[in-house]
Amino acid sequence: MFKVEIKNLSISANIGITAQERKKKQLLKVTLEFSYPVKNSLDLNNINNVKDYSSITKYLKTFIKESQSHTLEHLIIKTSNALEKKFKIKKVKITINKTAVAKKYGAESLSVSN
């Protein structure tokens, strides 16, 4: 079993409870963790036998940018389910940090994770 982490991926997205908040894109820092099994007999130098991190990262960015979610909690659930289904990965954990909102309140970070 391999564990993968893509840490603090910068994504600008329209998210928020109010229409006013959703008008302007907000910078999100997204960390994705997941695992997947690999058979010992496979050639691990062959991209067909491991997960393509580039494809997963591109999909993650596009999915979040196009999301219609109002809350981070909803976005995390929808994104986790989509990634598990599309890439056949397990134990998906997503952490999203709203850096600008954290600074607004004098905090170092404001994040939600599953």
PDB file of N, CA and C in Angstrom:
ATOM      1  N   MET A   1       0.859  -1.178   0.000  1.00  0.00           N
ATOM      2  CA  MET A   1       0.000   0.000   0.000  1.00  0.00           C
ATOM      3  C   MET A   1       0.901   1.235   0.000  1.00  0.00           C
ATOM      4  N   PHE A   2       0.631   2.143  -0.913  1.00  0.00           N
ATOM      5  CA  PHE A   2       1.364   3.399  -0.961  1.00  0.00           C
ATOM      6  C   PHE A   2       0.478   4.532  -0.474  1.00  0.00           C
ATOM      7  N   LYS A   3       1.085   5.483   0.217  1.00  0.00           N
ATOM      8  CA  LYS A   3       0.382   6.682   0.676  1.00  0.00           C
ATOM      9  C   LYS A   3       0.980   7.870  -0.063  1.00  0.00           C
ATOM     10  N   VAL A   4       0.111   8.720  -0.595  1.00  0.00           N
ATOM     11  CA  VAL A   4       0.544   9.888  -1.371  1.00  0.00           C
ATOM     12  C   VAL A   4       0.005  11.147  -0.700  1.00  0.00           C
ATOM     13  N   GLU A   5       0.803  12.211  -0.707  1.00  0.00           N
ATOM     14  CA  GLU A   5       0.362  13.504  -0.189  1.00  0.00           C
ATOM     15  C   GLU A   5       0.729  14.592  -1.202  1.00  0.00           C
ATOM     16  N   ILE A   6      -0.258  15.361  -1.577  1.00  0.00           N
ATOM     17  CA  ILE A   6      -0.057  16.562  -2.395  1.00  0.00           C
ATOM     18  C   ILE A   6      -0.394  17.706  -1.450  1.00  0.00           C
ATOM     19  N   LYS A   7       0.602  18.495  -1.083  1.00  0.00           N
ATOM     20  CA  LYS A   7       0.451  19.435   0.032  1.00  0.00           C
ATOM     21  C   LYS A   7       0.388  20.895  -0.418  1.00  0.00           C
ATOM     22  N   ASN A   8      -0.598  21.609   0.108  1.00  0.00           N
ATOM     23  CA  ASN A   8      -0.769  23.051  -0.082  1.00  0.00           C
ATOM     24  C   ASN A   8      -0.829  23.477  -1.545  1.00  0.00           C
ATOM     25  N   LEU A   9      -1.623  22.774  -2.313  1.00  0.00           N
ATOM     26  CA  LEU A   9      -1.867  23.119  -3.705  1.00  0.00           C
ATOM     27  C   LEU A   9      -2.702  24.403  -3.738  1.00  0.00           C
ATOM     28  N   SER A  10      -2.238  25.438  -4.417  1.00  0.00           N
ATOM     29  CA  SER A  10      -2.954  26.715  -4.491  1.00  0.00           C
ATOM     30  C   SER A  10      -4.034  26.655  -5.559  1.00  0.00           C
ATOM     31  N   ILE A  11      -5.273  26.953  -5.140  1.00  0.00           N
ATOM     32  CA  ILE A  11      -6.411  26.946  -6.056  1.00  0.00           C
ATOM     33  C   ILE A  11      -7.285  28.150  -5.732  1.00  0.00           C
ATOM     34  N   SER A  12      -7.625  28.937  -6.743  1.00  0.00           N
ATOM     35  CA  SER A  12      -8.556  30.048  -6.554  1.00  0.00           C
ATOM     36  C   SER A  12      -9.946  29.572  -6.930  1.00  0.00           C
ATOM     37  N   ALA A  13     -10.908  29.809  -6.033  1.00  0.00           N
ATOM     38  CA  ALA A  13     -12.268  29.324  -6.267  1.00  0.00           C
ATOM     39  C   ALA A  13     -13.291  30.276  -5.675  1.00  0.00           C
ATOM     40  N   ASN A  14     -14.489  30.231  -6.237  1.00  0.00           N
ATOM     41  CA  ASN A  14     -15.612  30.982  -5.702  1.00  0.00           C
ATOM     42  C   ASN A  14     -16.328  30.090  -4.706  1.00  0.00           C
ATOM     43  N   ILE A  15     -16.193  30.417  -3.433  1.00  0.00           N
ATOM     44  CA  ILE A  15     -16.816  29.619  -2.386  1.00  0.00           C
ATOM     45  C   ILE A  15     -17.235  30.542  -1.259  1.00  0.00           C
ATOM     46  N   GLY A  16     -18.340  30.212  -0.626  1.00  0.00           N
ATOM     47  CA  GLY A  16     -18.817  31.020   0.490  1.00  0.00           C
ATOM     48  C   GLY A  16     -20.321  30.875   0.647  1.00  0.00           C
ATOM     49  N   ILE A  17     -20.789  31.228   1.805  1.00  0.00           N
ATOM     50  CA  ILE A  17     -22.214  31.114   2.107  1.00  0.00           C
ATOM     51  C   ILE A  17     -23.015  32.185   1.378  1.00  0.00           C
ATOM     52  N   THR A  18     -22.542  33.417   1.406  1.00  0.00           N
ATOM     53  CA  THR A  18     -23.308  34.508   0.795  1.00  0.00           C
ATOM     54  C   THR A  18     -22.906  34.716  -0.660  1.00  0.00           C
ATOM     55  N   ALA A  19     -23.826  35.267  -1.428  1.00  0.00           N
ATOM     56  CA  ALA A  19     -23.542  35.575  -2.833  1.00  0.00           C
ATOM     57  C   ALA A  19     -22.391  36.579  -2.926  1.00  0.00           C
ATOM     58  N   GLN A  20     -22.341  37.503  -1.998  1.00  0.00           N
ATOM     59  CA  GLN A  20     -21.275  38.508  -1.961  1.00  0.00           C
ATOM     60  C   GLN A  20     -19.904  37.843  -1.801  1.00  0.00           C
ATOM     61  N   GLU A  21     -19.852  36.871  -0.906  1.00  0.00           N
ATOM     62  CA  GLU A  21     -18.584  36.172  -0.660  1.00  0.00           C
ATOM     63  C   GLU A  21     -18.154  35.356  -1.887  1.00  0.00           C
ATOM     64  N   ARG A  22     -19.123  34.817  -2.611  1.00  0.00           N
ATOM     65  CA  ARG A  22     -18.818  33.987  -3.784  1.00  0.00           C
ATOM     66  C   ARG A  22     -18.470  34.801  -5.029  1.00  0.00           C
ATOM     67  N   LYS A  23     -18.695  36.116  -4.995  1.00  0.00           N
ATOM     68  CA  LYS A  23     -18.391  36.953  -6.162  1.00  0.00           C
ATOM     69  C   LYS A  23     -16.906  36.993  -6.480  1.00  0.00           C
ATOM     70  N   LYS A  24     -16.094  37.007  -5.447  1.00  0.00           N
ATOM     71  CA  LYS A  24     -14.652  37.143  -5.627  1.00  0.00           C
ATOM     72  C   LYS A  24     -13.965  35.808  -5.326  1.00  0.00           C
ATOM     73  N   LYS A  25     -13.055  35.422  -6.201  1.00  0.00           N
ATOM     74  CA  LYS A  25     -12.313  34.178  -5.981  1.00  0.00           C
ATOM     75  C   LYS A  25     -11.472  34.295  -4.712  1.00  0.00           C
ATOM     76  N   GLN A  26     -11.416  33.195  -3.983  1.00  0.00           N
ATOM     77  CA  GLN A  26     -10.614  33.125  -2.769  1.00  0.00           C
ATOM     78  C   GLN A  26      -9.494  32.110  -2.973  1.00  0.00           C
ATOM     79  N   LEU A  27      -8.339  32.403  -2.418  1.00  0.00           N
ATOM     80  CA  LEU A  27      -7.227  31.477  -2.495  1.00  0.00           C
ATOM     81  C   LEU A  27      -7.432  30.375  -1.458  1.00  0.00           C
ATOM     82  N   LEU A  28      -7.411  29.148  -1.935  1.00  0.00           N
ATOM     83  CA  LEU A  28      -7.498  27.984  -1.061  1.00  0.00           C
ATOM     84  C   LEU A  28      -6.177  27.235  -1.154  1.00  0.00           C
ATOM     85  N   LYS A  29      -5.718  26.736  -0.038  1.00  0.00           N
ATOM     86  CA  LYS A  29      -4.548  25.852  -0.008  1.00  0.00           C
ATOM     87  C   LYS A  29      -5.092  24.457   0.300  1.00  0.00           C
ATOM     88  N   VAL A  30      -4.932  23.558  -0.659  1.00  0.00           N
ATOM     89  CA  VAL A  30      -5.547  22.238  -0.565  1.00  0.00           C
ATOM     90  C   VAL A  30      -4.467  21.173  -0.408  1.00  0.00           C
ATOM     91  N   THR A  31      -4.657  20.327   0.589  1.00  0.00           N
ATOM     92  CA  THR A  31      -3.787  19.181   0.784  1.00  0.00           C
ATOM     93  C   THR A  31      -4.617  17.921   0.583  1.00  0.00           C
ATOM     94  N   LEU A  32      -4.120  17.052  -0.269  1.00  0.00           N
ATOM     95  CA  LEU A  32      -4.782  15.787  -0.569  1.00  0.00           C
ATOM     96  C   LEU A  32      -3.881  14.647  -0.120  1.00  0.00           C
ATOM     97  N   GLU A  33      -4.459  13.727   0.637  1.00  0.00           N
ATOM     98  CA  GLU A  33      -3.763  12.510   1.025  1.00  0.00           C
ATOM     99  C   GLU A  33      -4.623  11.331   0.595  1.00  0.00           C
ATOM    100  N   PHE A  34      -3.989  10.298   0.068  1.00  0.00           N
ATOM    101  CA  PHE A  34      -4.718   9.085  -0.290  1.00  0.00           C
ATOM    102  C   PHE A  34      -3.764   7.911  -0.317  1.00  0.00           C
ATOM    103  N   SER A  35      -4.339   6.729  -0.386  1.00  0.00           N
ATOM    104  CA  SER A  35      -3.508   5.537  -0.498  1.00  0.00           C
ATOM    105  C   SER A  35      -4.077   4.632  -1.574  1.00  0.00           C
ATOM    106  N   TYR A  36      -3.230   3.738  -2.046  1.00  0.00           N
ATOM    107  CA  TYR A  36      -3.678   2.763  -3.029  1.00  0.00           C
ATOM    108  C   TYR A  36      -2.768   1.533  -2.979  1.00  0.00           C
ATOM    109  N   PRO A  37      -3.341   0.369  -3.235  1.00  0.00           N
ATOM    110  CA  PRO A  37      -2.552  -0.861  -3.205  1.00  0.00           C
ATOM    111  C   PRO A  37      -1.847  -1.093  -4.531  1.00  0.00           C
ATOM    112  N   VAL A  38      -0.690  -1.745  -4.458  1.00  0.00           N
ATOM    113  CA  VAL A  38       0.058  -2.123  -5.654  1.00  0.00           C
ATOM    114  C   VAL A  38       0.548  -3.552  -5.440  1.00  0.00           C
ATOM    115  N   LYS A  39       0.362  -4.382  -6.436  1.00  0.00           N
ATOM    116  CA  LYS A  39       0.851  -5.761  -6.364  1.00  0.00           C
ATOM    117  C   LYS A  39       2.373  -5.758  -6.498  1.00  0.00           C
ATOM    118  N   ASN A  40       3.028  -6.531  -5.662  1.00  0.00           N
ATOM    119  CA  ASN A  40       4.500  -6.609  -5.667  1.00  0.00           C
ATOM    120  C   ASN A  40       5.063  -7.067  -7.005  1.00  0.00           C
ATOM    121  N   SER A  41       4.279  -7.808  -7.761  1.00  0.00           N
ATOM    122  CA  SER A  41       4.776  -8.355  -9.021  1.00  0.00           C
ATOM    123  C   SER A  41       4.781  -7.337 -10.158  1.00  0.00           C
ATOM    124  N   LEU A  42       4.203  -6.167  -9.948  1.00  0.00           N
ATOM    125  CA  LEU A  42       4.115  -5.167 -11.015  1.00  0.00           C
ATOM    126  C   LEU A  42       5.405  -4.368 -11.159  1.00  0.00           C
ATOM    127  N   ASP A  43       5.654  -3.908 -12.363  1.00  0.00           N
ATOM    128  CA  ASP A  43       6.795  -3.036 -12.647  1.00  0.00           C
ATOM    129  C   ASP A  43       6.430  -1.627 -12.201  1.00  0.00           C
ATOM    130  N   LEU A  44       7.016  -1.159 -11.114  1.00  0.00           N
ATOM    131  CA  LEU A  44       6.675   0.158 -10.567  1.00  0.00           C
ATOM    132  C   LEU A  44       7.345   1.300 -11.316  1.00  0.00           C
ATOM    133  N   ASN A  45       8.149   1.005 -12.320  1.00  0.00           N
ATOM    134  CA  ASN A  45       8.687   2.035 -13.202  1.00  0.00           C
ATOM    135  C   ASN A  45       7.750   2.319 -14.366  1.00  0.00           C
ATOM    136  N   ASN A  46       6.684   1.576 -14.460  1.00  0.00           N
ATOM    137  CA  ASN A  46       5.693   1.742 -15.523  1.00  0.00           C
ATOM    138  C   ASN A  46       4.529   2.572 -14.986  1.00  0.00           C
ATOM    139  N   ILE A  47       4.260   3.723 -15.591  1.00  0.00           N
ATOM    140  CA  ILE A  47       3.206   4.632 -15.131  1.00  0.00           C
ATOM    141  C   ILE A  47       1.832   3.959 -15.112  1.00  0.00           C
ATOM    142  N   ASN A  48       1.642   2.939 -15.916  1.00  0.00           N
ATOM    143  CA  ASN A  48       0.359   2.222 -15.940  1.00  0.00           C
ATOM    144  C   ASN A  48       0.116   1.404 -14.679  1.00  0.00           C
ATOM    145  N   ASN A  49       1.149   1.210 -13.877  1.00  0.00           N
ATOM    146  CA  ASN A  49       1.026   0.416 -12.657  1.00  0.00           C
ATOM    147  C   ASN A  49       1.005   1.248 -11.375  1.00  0.00           C
ATOM    148  N   VAL A  50       1.124   2.545 -11.510  1.00  0.00           N
ATOM    149  CA  VAL A  50       1.047   3.454 -10.358  1.00  0.00           C
ATOM    150  C   VAL A  50       0.061   4.576 -10.685  1.00  0.00           C
ATOM    151  N   LYS A  51      -0.248   5.401  -9.710  1.00  0.00           N
ATOM    152  CA  LYS A  51      -1.182   6.508  -9.933  1.00  0.00           C
ATOM    153  C   LYS A  51      -0.455   7.683 -10.586  1.00  0.00           C
ATOM    154  N   ASP A  52      -1.126   8.316 -11.505  1.00  0.00           N
ATOM    155  CA  ASP A  52      -0.574   9.465 -12.232  1.00  0.00           C
ATOM    156  C   ASP A  52      -0.882  10.732 -11.427  1.00  0.00           C
ATOM    157  N   TYR A  53       0.090  11.199 -10.648  1.00  0.00           N
ATOM    158  CA  TYR A  53      -0.114  12.351  -9.764  1.00  0.00           C
ATOM    159  C   TYR A  53      -0.440  13.617 -10.534  1.00  0.00           C
ATOM    160  N   SER A  54       0.113  13.739 -11.721  1.00  0.00           N
ATOM    161  CA  SER A  54      -0.161  14.908 -12.553  1.00  0.00           C
ATOM    162  C   SER A  54      -1.644  14.961 -12.928  1.00  0.00           C
ATOM    163  N   SER A  55      -2.191  13.843 -13.351  1.00  0.00           N
ATOM    164  CA  SER A  55      -3.616  13.789 -13.714  1.00  0.00           C
ATOM    165  C   SER A  55      -4.507  14.056 -12.507  1.00  0.00           C
ATOM    166  N   ILE A  56      -4.131  13.493 -11.370  1.00  0.00           N
ATOM    167  CA  ILE A  56      -4.919  13.696 -10.152  1.00  0.00           C
ATOM    168  C   ILE A  56      -4.891  15.164  -9.744  1.00  0.00           C
ATOM    169  N   THR A  57      -3.723  15.790  -9.808  1.00  0.00           N
ATOM    170  CA  THR A  57      -3.586  17.201  -9.436  1.00  0.00           C
ATOM    171  C   THR A  57      -4.395  18.100 -10.366  1.00  0.00           C
ATOM    172  N   LYS A  58      -4.302  17.864 -11.667  1.00  0.00           N
ATOM    173  CA  LYS A  58      -5.069  18.664 -12.639  1.00  0.00           C
ATOM    174  C   LYS A  58      -6.563  18.507 -12.417  1.00  0.00           C
ATOM    175  N   TYR A  59      -7.008  17.281 -12.190  1.00  0.00           N
ATOM    176  CA  TYR A  59      -8.429  17.016 -11.948  1.00  0.00           C
ATOM    177  C   TYR A  59      -8.894  17.725 -10.674  1.00  0.00           C
ATOM    178  N   LEU A  60      -8.099  17.627  -9.619  1.00  0.00           N
ATOM    179  CA  LEU A  60      -8.420  18.270  -8.340  1.00  0.00           C
ATOM    180  C   LEU A  60      -8.596  19.777  -8.511  1.00  0.00           C
ATOM    181  N   LYS A  61      -7.652  20.415  -9.207  1.00  0.00           N
ATOM    182  CA  LYS A  61      -7.737  21.867  -9.440  1.00  0.00           C
ATOM    183  C   LYS A  61      -8.994  22.233 -10.222  1.00  0.00           C
ATOM    184  N   THR A  62      -9.254  21.516 -11.297  1.00  0.00           N
ATOM    185  CA  THR A  62     -10.425  21.803 -12.130  1.00  0.00           C
ATOM    186  C   THR A  62     -11.717  21.575 -11.357  1.00  0.00           C
ATOM    187  N   PHE A  63     -11.793  20.472 -10.631  1.00  0.00           N
ATOM    188  CA  PHE A  63     -13.001  20.142  -9.877  1.00  0.00           C
ATOM    189  C   PHE A  63     -13.334  21.240  -8.874  1.00  0.00           C
ATOM    190  N   ILE A  64     -12.338  21.699  -8.131  1.00  0.00           N
ATOM    191  CA  ILE A  64     -12.573  22.722  -7.110  1.00  0.00           C
ATOM    192  C   ILE A  64     -12.891  24.069  -7.750  1.00  0.00           C
ATOM    193  N   LYS A  65     -12.187  24.438  -8.815  1.00  0.00           N
ATOM    194  CA  LYS A  65     -12.461  25.709  -9.502  1.00  0.00           C
ATOM    195  C   LYS A  65     -13.887  25.772 -10.041  1.00  0.00           C
ATOM    196  N   GLU A  66     -14.402  24.642 -10.527  1.00  0.00           N
ATOM    197  CA  GLU A  66     -15.734  24.604 -11.128  1.00  0.00           C
ATOM    198  C   GLU A  66     -16.839  24.278 -10.124  1.00  0.00           C
ATOM    199  N   SER A  67     -16.478  24.046  -8.899  1.00  0.00           N
ATOM    200  CA  SER A  67     -17.440  23.655  -7.870  1.00  0.00           C
ATOM    201  C   SER A  67     -18.468  24.753  -7.595  1.00  0.00           C
ATOM    202  N   GLN A  68     -19.650  24.317  -7.257  1.00  0.00           N
ATOM    203  CA  GLN A  68     -20.715  25.237  -6.863  1.00  0.00           C
ATOM    204  C   GLN A  68     -20.979  25.157  -5.357  1.00  0.00           C
ATOM    205  N   SER A  69     -20.058  24.564  -4.625  1.00  0.00           N
ATOM    206  CA  SER A  69     -20.214  24.394  -3.174  1.00  0.00           C
ATOM    207  C   SER A  69     -20.181  25.743  -2.464  1.00  0.00           C
ATOM    208  N   HIS A  70     -20.959  25.829  -1.409  1.00  0.00           N
ATOM    209  CA  HIS A  70     -20.978  27.048  -0.600  1.00  0.00           C
ATOM    210  C   HIS A  70     -20.096  26.904   0.636  1.00  0.00           C
ATOM    211  N   THR A  71     -19.937  25.666   1.115  1.00  0.00           N
ATOM    212  CA  THR A  71     -19.126  25.445   2.314  1.00  0.00           C
ATOM    213  C   THR A  71     -17.937  24.542   2.001  1.00  0.00           C
ATOM    214  N   LEU A  72     -16.909  24.663   2.810  1.00  0.00           N
ATOM    215  CA  LEU A  72     -15.747  23.796   2.653  1.00  0.00           C
ATOM    216  C   LEU A  72     -16.114  22.340   2.927  1.00  0.00           C
ATOM    217  N   GLU A  73     -17.003  22.134   3.880  1.00  0.00           N
ATOM    218  CA  GLU A  73     -17.419  20.775   4.226  1.00  0.00           C
ATOM    219  C   GLU A  73     -18.064  20.074   3.022  1.00  0.00           C
ATOM    220  N   HIS A  74     -18.968  20.769   2.335  1.00  0.00           N
ATOM    221  CA  HIS A  74     -19.626  20.212   1.154  1.00  0.00           C
ATOM    222  C   HIS A  74     -18.609  19.960   0.049  1.00  0.00           C
ATOM    223  N   LEU A  75     -17.720  20.907  -0.150  1.00  0.00           N
ATOM    224  CA  LEU A  75     -16.694  20.781  -1.180  1.00  0.00           C
ATOM    225  C   LEU A  75     -15.794  19.575  -0.915  1.00  0.00           C
ATOM    226  N   ILE A  76     -15.408  19.366   0.322  1.00  0.00           N
ATOM    227  CA  ILE A  76     -14.542  18.243   0.678  1.00  0.00           C
ATOM    228  C   ILE A  76     -15.221  16.907   0.391  1.00  0.00           C
ATOM    229  N   ILE A  77     -16.477  16.772   0.775  1.00  0.00           N
ATOM    230  CA  ILE A  77     -17.203  15.517   0.542  1.00  0.00           C
ATOM    231  C   ILE A  77     -17.340  15.242  -0.951  1.00  0.00           C
ATOM    232  N   LYS A  78     -17.774  16.246  -1.722  1.00  0.00           N
ATOM    233  CA  LYS A  78     -17.957  16.072  -3.169  1.00  0.00           C
ATOM    234  C   LYS A  78     -16.628  15.733  -3.856  1.00  0.00           C
ATOM    235  N   THR A  79     -15.567  16.433  -3.472  1.00  0.00           N
ATOM    236  CA  THR A  79     -14.256  16.216  -4.084  1.00  0.00           C
ATOM    237  C   THR A  79     -13.711  14.838  -3.735  1.00  0.00           C
ATOM    238  N   SER A  80     -13.823  14.442  -2.477  1.00  0.00           N
ATOM    239  CA  SER A  80     -13.346  13.120  -2.050  1.00  0.00           C
ATOM    240  C   SER A  80     -14.036  12.009  -2.829  1.00  0.00           C
ATOM    241  N   ASN A  81     -15.355  12.090  -2.921  1.00  0.00           N
ATOM    242  CA  ASN A  81     -16.117  11.068  -3.637  1.00  0.00           C
ATOM    243  C   ASN A  81     -15.723  11.002  -5.111  1.00  0.00           C
ATOM    244  N   ALA A  82     -15.557  12.155  -5.729  1.00  0.00           N
ATOM    245  CA  ALA A  82     -15.197  12.194  -7.151  1.00  0.00           C
ATOM    246  C   ALA A  82     -13.803  11.595  -7.383  1.00  0.00           C
ATOM    247  N   LEU A  83     -12.848  11.922  -6.524  1.00  0.00           N
ATOM    248  CA  LEU A  83     -11.491  11.390  -6.661  1.00  0.00           C
ATOM    249  C   LEU A  83     -11.447   9.872  -6.450  1.00  0.00           C
ATOM    250  N   GLU A  84     -12.162   9.403  -5.432  1.00  0.00           N
ATOM    251  CA  GLU A  84     -12.201   7.959  -5.159  1.00  0.00           C
ATOM    252  C   GLU A  84     -12.753   7.194  -6.360  1.00  0.00           C
ATOM    253  N   LYS A  85     -13.809   7.724  -6.923  1.00  0.00           N
ATOM    254  CA  LYS A  85     -14.464   7.049  -8.049  1.00  0.00           C
ATOM    255  C   LYS A  85     -13.607   7.101  -9.317  1.00  0.00           C
ATOM    256  N   LYS A  86     -13.117   8.280  -9.669  1.00  0.00           N
ATOM    257  CA  LYS A  86     -12.384   8.456 -10.931  1.00  0.00           C
ATOM    258  C   LYS A  86     -11.025   7.753 -10.935  1.00  0.00           C
ATOM    259  N   PHE A  87     -10.297   7.840  -9.818  1.00  0.00           N
ATOM    260  CA  PHE A  87      -8.927   7.330  -9.793  1.00  0.00           C
ATOM    261  C   PHE A  87      -8.761   6.032  -8.994  1.00  0.00           C
ATOM    262  N   LYS A  88      -9.866   5.509  -8.471  1.00  0.00           N
ATOM    263  CA  LYS A  88      -9.830   4.263  -7.703  1.00  0.00           C
ATOM    264  C   LYS A  88      -8.792   4.324  -6.585  1.00  0.00           C
ATOM    265  N   ILE A  89      -8.907   5.379  -5.782  1.00  0.00           N
ATOM    266  CA  ILE A  89      -8.016   5.557  -4.640  1.00  0.00           C
ATOM    267  C   ILE A  89      -8.829   5.422  -3.362  1.00  0.00           C
ATOM    268  N   LYS A  90      -8.145   5.156  -2.255  1.00  0.00           N
ATOM    269  CA  LYS A  90      -8.806   4.907  -0.985  1.00  0.00           C
ATOM    270  C   LYS A  90      -8.290   5.851   0.086  1.00  0.00           C
ATOM    271  N   LYS A  91      -9.045   5.892   1.176  1.00  0.00           N
ATOM    272  CA  LYS A  91      -8.652   6.685   2.341  1.00  0.00           C
ATOM    273  C   LYS A  91      -8.302   8.117   1.947  1.00  0.00           C
ATOM    274  N   VAL A  92      -9.180   8.738   1.174  1.00  0.00           N
ATOM    275  CA  VAL A  92      -8.954  10.106   0.709  1.00  0.00           C
ATOM    276  C   VAL A  92      -9.188  11.077   1.869  1.00  0.00           C
ATOM    277  N   LYS A  93      -8.205  11.888   2.119  1.00  0.00           N
ATOM    278  CA  LYS A  93      -8.321  12.949   3.133  1.00  0.00           C
ATOM    279  C   LYS A  93      -7.975  14.260   2.445  1.00  0.00           C
ATOM    280  N   ILE A  94      -8.855  15.229   2.608  1.00  0.00           N
ATOM    281  CA  ILE A  94      -8.630  16.555   2.027  1.00  0.00           C
ATOM    282  C   ILE A  94      -8.671  17.590   3.143  1.00  0.00           C
ATOM    283  N   THR A  95      -7.705  18.476   3.129  1.00  0.00           N
ATOM    284  CA  THR A  95      -7.684  19.616   4.043  1.00  0.00           C
ATOM    285  C   THR A  95      -7.670  20.869   3.177  1.00  0.00           C
ATOM    286  N   ILE A  96      -8.604  21.779   3.463  1.00  0.00           N
ATOM    287  CA  ILE A  96      -8.653  23.041   2.726  1.00  0.00           C
ATOM    288  C   ILE A  96      -8.479  24.182   3.714  1.00  0.00           C
ATOM    289  N   ASN A  97      -7.518  25.047   3.409  1.00  0.00           N
ATOM    290  CA  ASN A  97      -7.200  26.193   4.251  1.00  0.00           C
ATOM    291  C   ASN A  97      -7.584  27.467   3.502  1.00  0.00           C
ATOM    292  N   LYS A  98      -8.398  28.294   4.137  1.00  0.00           N
ATOM    293  CA  LYS A  98      -8.759  29.606   3.586  1.00  0.00           C
ATOM    294  C   LYS A  98      -7.812  30.624   4.220  1.00  0.00           C
ATOM    295  N   THR A  99      -6.711  30.897   3.557  1.00  0.00           N
ATOM    296  CA  THR A  99      -5.661  31.733   4.136  1.00  0.00           C
ATOM    297  C   THR A  99      -6.102  33.178   4.353  1.00  0.00           C
ATOM    298  N   ALA A 100      -6.814  33.742   3.404  1.00  0.00           N
ATOM    299  CA  ALA A 100      -7.230  35.150   3.526  1.00  0.00           C
ATOM    300  C   ALA A 100      -8.218  35.330   4.673  1.00  0.00           C
ATOM    301  N   VAL A 101      -9.119  34.393   4.838  1.00  0.00           N
ATOM    302  CA  VAL A 101     -10.104  34.479   5.925  1.00  0.00           C
ATOM    303  C   VAL A 101      -9.390  34.360   7.267  1.00  0.00           C
ATOM    304  N   ALA A 102      -8.409  33.487   7.342  1.00  0.00           N
ATOM    305  CA  ALA A 102      -7.648  33.330   8.583  1.00  0.00           C
ATOM    306  C   ALA A 102      -6.966  34.637   8.965  1.00  0.00           C
ATOM    307  N   LYS A 103      -6.312  35.262   7.997  1.00  0.00           N
ATOM    308  CA  LYS A 103      -5.620  36.533   8.259  1.00  0.00           C
ATOM    309  C   LYS A 103      -6.594  37.612   8.698  1.00  0.00           C
ATOM    310  N   LYS A 104      -7.781  37.612   8.099  1.00  0.00           N
ATOM    311  CA  LYS A 104      -8.816  38.597   8.442  1.00  0.00           C
ATOM    312  C   LYS A 104      -9.153  38.537   9.931  1.00  0.00           C
ATOM    313  N   TYR A 105      -9.117  37.336  10.497  1.00  0.00           N
ATOM    314  CA  TYR A 105      -9.459  37.162  11.911  1.00  0.00           C
ATOM    315  C   TYR A 105      -8.230  37.078  12.807  1.00  0.00           C
ATOM    316  N   GLY A 106      -7.045  37.304  12.234  1.00  0.00           N
ATOM    317  CA  GLY A 106      -5.830  37.285  13.029  1.00  0.00           C
ATOM    318  C   GLY A 106      -5.332  35.886  13.351  1.00  0.00           C
ATOM    319  N   ALA A 107      -5.761  34.917  12.562  1.00  0.00           N
ATOM    320  CA  ALA A 107      -5.334  33.535  12.783  1.00  0.00           C
ATOM    321  C   ALA A 107      -4.275  33.138  11.758  1.00  0.00           C
ATOM    322  N   GLU A 108      -3.474  32.170  12.112  1.00  0.00           N
ATOM    323  CA  GLU A 108      -2.466  31.662  11.194  1.00  0.00           C
ATOM    324  C   GLU A 108      -3.114  30.859  10.075  1.00  0.00           C
ATOM    325  N   SER A 109      -4.140  30.087  10.415  1.00  0.00           N
ATOM    326  CA  SER A 109      -4.833  29.319   9.401  1.00  0.00           C
ATOM    327  C   SER A 109      -6.263  29.050   9.832  1.00  0.00           C
ATOM    328  N   LEU A 110      -7.091  28.782   8.857  1.00  0.00           N
ATOM    329  CA  LEU A 110      -8.471  28.378   9.076  1.00  0.00           C
ATOM    330  C   LEU A 110      -8.712  27.262   8.080  1.00  0.00           C
ATOM    331  N   SER A 111      -8.744  26.037   8.580  1.00  0.00           N
ATOM    332  CA  SER A 111      -8.875  24.915   7.670  1.00  0.00           C
ATOM    333  C   SER A 111      -9.936  23.932   8.117  1.00  0.00           C
ATOM    334  N   VAL A 112     -10.428  23.188   7.147  1.00  0.00           N
ATOM    335  CA  VAL A 112     -11.418  22.132   7.390  1.00  0.00           C
ATOM    336  C   VAL A 112     -10.877  20.886   6.700  1.00  0.00           C
ATOM    337  N   SER A 113     -11.032  19.741   7.344  1.00  0.00           N
ATOM    338  CA  SER A 113     -10.605  18.480   6.735  1.00  0.00           C
ATOM    339  C   SER A 113     -11.596  17.387   7.079  1.00  0.00           C
ATOM    340  N   ASN A 114     -11.527  16.318   6.319  1.00  0.00           N
ATOM    341  CA  ASN A 114     -12.403  15.175   6.597  1.00  0.00           C
ATOM    342  C   ASN A 114     -11.630  14.070   7.286  1.00  0.00           C
TER     343      ASN A 114
END
